[in-house]
Amino acid sequence: MKIKWKVNPKPTGQFRSFEERGWPYAIVNNQIVAEIVCKDDYWPKAVKSGDHAELKILVYDYSGLSRECYSLTKRAQTLDEVKARVEKYFTAKPEMLPKAR
């Protein structure tokens, strides 16, 4: 299992001040398996300093006929904590990951 983390590109263009940059999300086999929800916008400087609200972790289950979304009960404080918890979660439940095509 190789979890790859991606972040949306920085907004550009005429209306960039109205756009919010999304928090990182995890990908396995070209499918999103986890994402972060936070009431604060994603600013790399704030993430490094830890100056943001707590992070809610959503994980996706691909074991059934359709994709299901679940929220982990414990929230995280840092991006590194999110990555570690997602890795641990899918190591314990590999059947929830999408199959390679």
Protein backbone atom coordinates (compact mmCIF):
# COMPACT_ATOMS: atom_id res chain seq x y z
CA MET A 1 0.00 0.00 0.00
CA LYS A 2 1.44 3.33 -1.06
CA ILE A 3 -0.50 6.37 0.14
CA LYS A 4 0.32 9.51 -1.81
CA TRP A 5 -0.65 12.92 -0.44
CA LYS A 6 -1.60 15.78 -2.76
CA VAL A 7 -2.69 19.36 -2.21
CA ASN A 8 -4.72 21.54 -4.54
CA PRO A 9 -2.71 24.13 -6.45
CA LYS A 10 -2.61 27.69 -5.24
CA PRO A 11 -5.54 29.69 -6.71
CA THR A 12 -4.64 31.90 -9.65
CA GLY A 13 -6.46 34.22 -11.95
CA GLN A 14 -8.62 37.26 -11.62
CA PHE A 15 -10.84 35.94 -8.78
CA ARG A 16 -8.17 34.11 -6.76
CA SER A 17 -8.92 36.11 -3.63
CA PHE A 18 -12.39 34.54 -3.51
CA GLU A 19 -11.11 30.96 -3.83
CA GLU A 20 -10.01 28.80 -0.91
CA ARG A 21 -7.13 26.37 -1.20
CA GLY A 22 -8.12 22.87 -0.18
CA TRP A 23 -6.37 20.80 2.47
CA PRO A 24 -4.27 17.79 1.37
CA TYR A 25 -5.94 14.53 0.42
CA ALA A 26 -4.64 10.95 0.19
CA ILE A 27 -4.66 8.87 -2.99
CA VAL A 28 -4.25 5.13 -3.58
CA ASN A 29 -4.67 3.63 -7.07
CA ASN A 30 -5.81 7.03 -8.42
CA GLN A 31 -8.74 7.18 -5.97
CA ILE A 32 -9.14 9.52 -3.00
CA VAL A 33 -9.02 7.43 0.18
CA ALA A 34 -8.81 10.18 2.82
CA GLU A 35 -9.16 13.91 3.11
CA ILE A 36 -8.86 16.62 5.72
CA VAL A 37 -11.62 19.01 6.73
CA CYS A 38 -10.81 22.14 8.70
CA LYS A 39 -12.75 25.32 9.33
CA ASP A 40 -9.58 27.31 8.54
CA ASP A 41 -8.20 27.74 5.03
CA TYR A 42 -5.08 25.86 4.04
CA TRP A 43 -2.05 28.15 4.36
CA PRO A 44 1.33 26.36 4.34
CA LYS A 45 2.82 28.85 6.84
CA ALA A 46 -0.05 28.29 9.28
CA VAL A 47 0.25 24.52 8.89
CA LYS A 48 3.98 24.60 9.73
CA SER A 49 3.41 26.76 12.80
CA GLY A 50 0.30 24.80 13.87
CA ASP A 51 -1.81 27.96 13.79
CA HIS A 52 -5.07 26.40 12.59
CA ALA A 53 -8.20 24.75 13.97
CA GLU A 54 -8.29 21.02 14.69
CA LEU A 55 -8.34 18.70 11.70
CA LYS A 56 -11.20 16.31 10.97
CA ILE A 57 -10.22 13.17 9.02
CA LEU A 58 -12.55 11.61 6.46
CA VAL A 59 -11.77 8.14 5.11
CA TYR A 60 -13.40 6.36 2.19
CA ASP A 61 -14.40 2.69 2.07
CA TYR A 62 -14.20 1.02 -1.36
CA SER A 63 -15.01 -2.51 -0.13
CA GLY A 64 -18.71 -2.38 -1.09
CA LEU A 65 -20.50 -1.66 -4.34
CA SER A 66 -20.28 2.09 -3.80
CA ARG A 67 -17.83 4.36 -2.02
CA GLU A 68 -18.75 5.12 1.59
CA CYS A 69 -17.37 8.04 3.62
CA TYR A 70 -16.59 7.83 7.34
CA SER A 71 -15.28 10.38 9.80
CA LEU A 72 -12.69 9.29 12.35
CA THR A 73 -13.89 10.14 15.83
CA LYS A 74 -10.66 11.63 17.19
CA ARG A 75 -9.52 14.87 15.57
CA ALA A 76 -5.88 15.68 14.83
CA GLN A 77 -3.82 18.74 15.67
CA THR A 78 -1.10 18.52 12.99
CA LEU A 79 -0.74 17.39 9.39
CA ASP A 80 1.87 14.80 10.39
CA GLU A 81 -0.58 13.34 12.92
CA VAL A 82 -3.23 13.06 10.18
CA LYS A 83 -0.84 11.24 7.86
CA ALA A 84 0.22 8.80 10.59
CA ARG A 85 -3.38 8.05 11.60
CA VAL A 86 -4.50 7.47 8.00
CA GLU A 87 -1.53 5.13 7.42
CA LYS A 88 -2.33 3.21 10.62
CA TYR A 89 -6.04 3.04 9.75
CA PHE A 90 -5.54 1.56 6.29
CA THR A 91 -2.80 -0.79 7.50
CA ALA A 92 -5.39 -2.24 9.90
CA LYS A 93 -8.17 -2.26 7.25
CA PRO A 94 -6.57 -2.84 3.81
CA GLU A 95 -9.85 -4.25 2.44
CA MET A 96 -11.24 -0.71 2.41
CA LEU A 97 -8.71 0.48 -0.20
CA PRO A 98 -9.66 0.63 -3.89
CA LYS A 99 -8.45 -2.26 -6.04
CA ALA A 100 -5.84 -1.64 -8.72
CA ARG A 101 -7.31 -1.45 -12.21
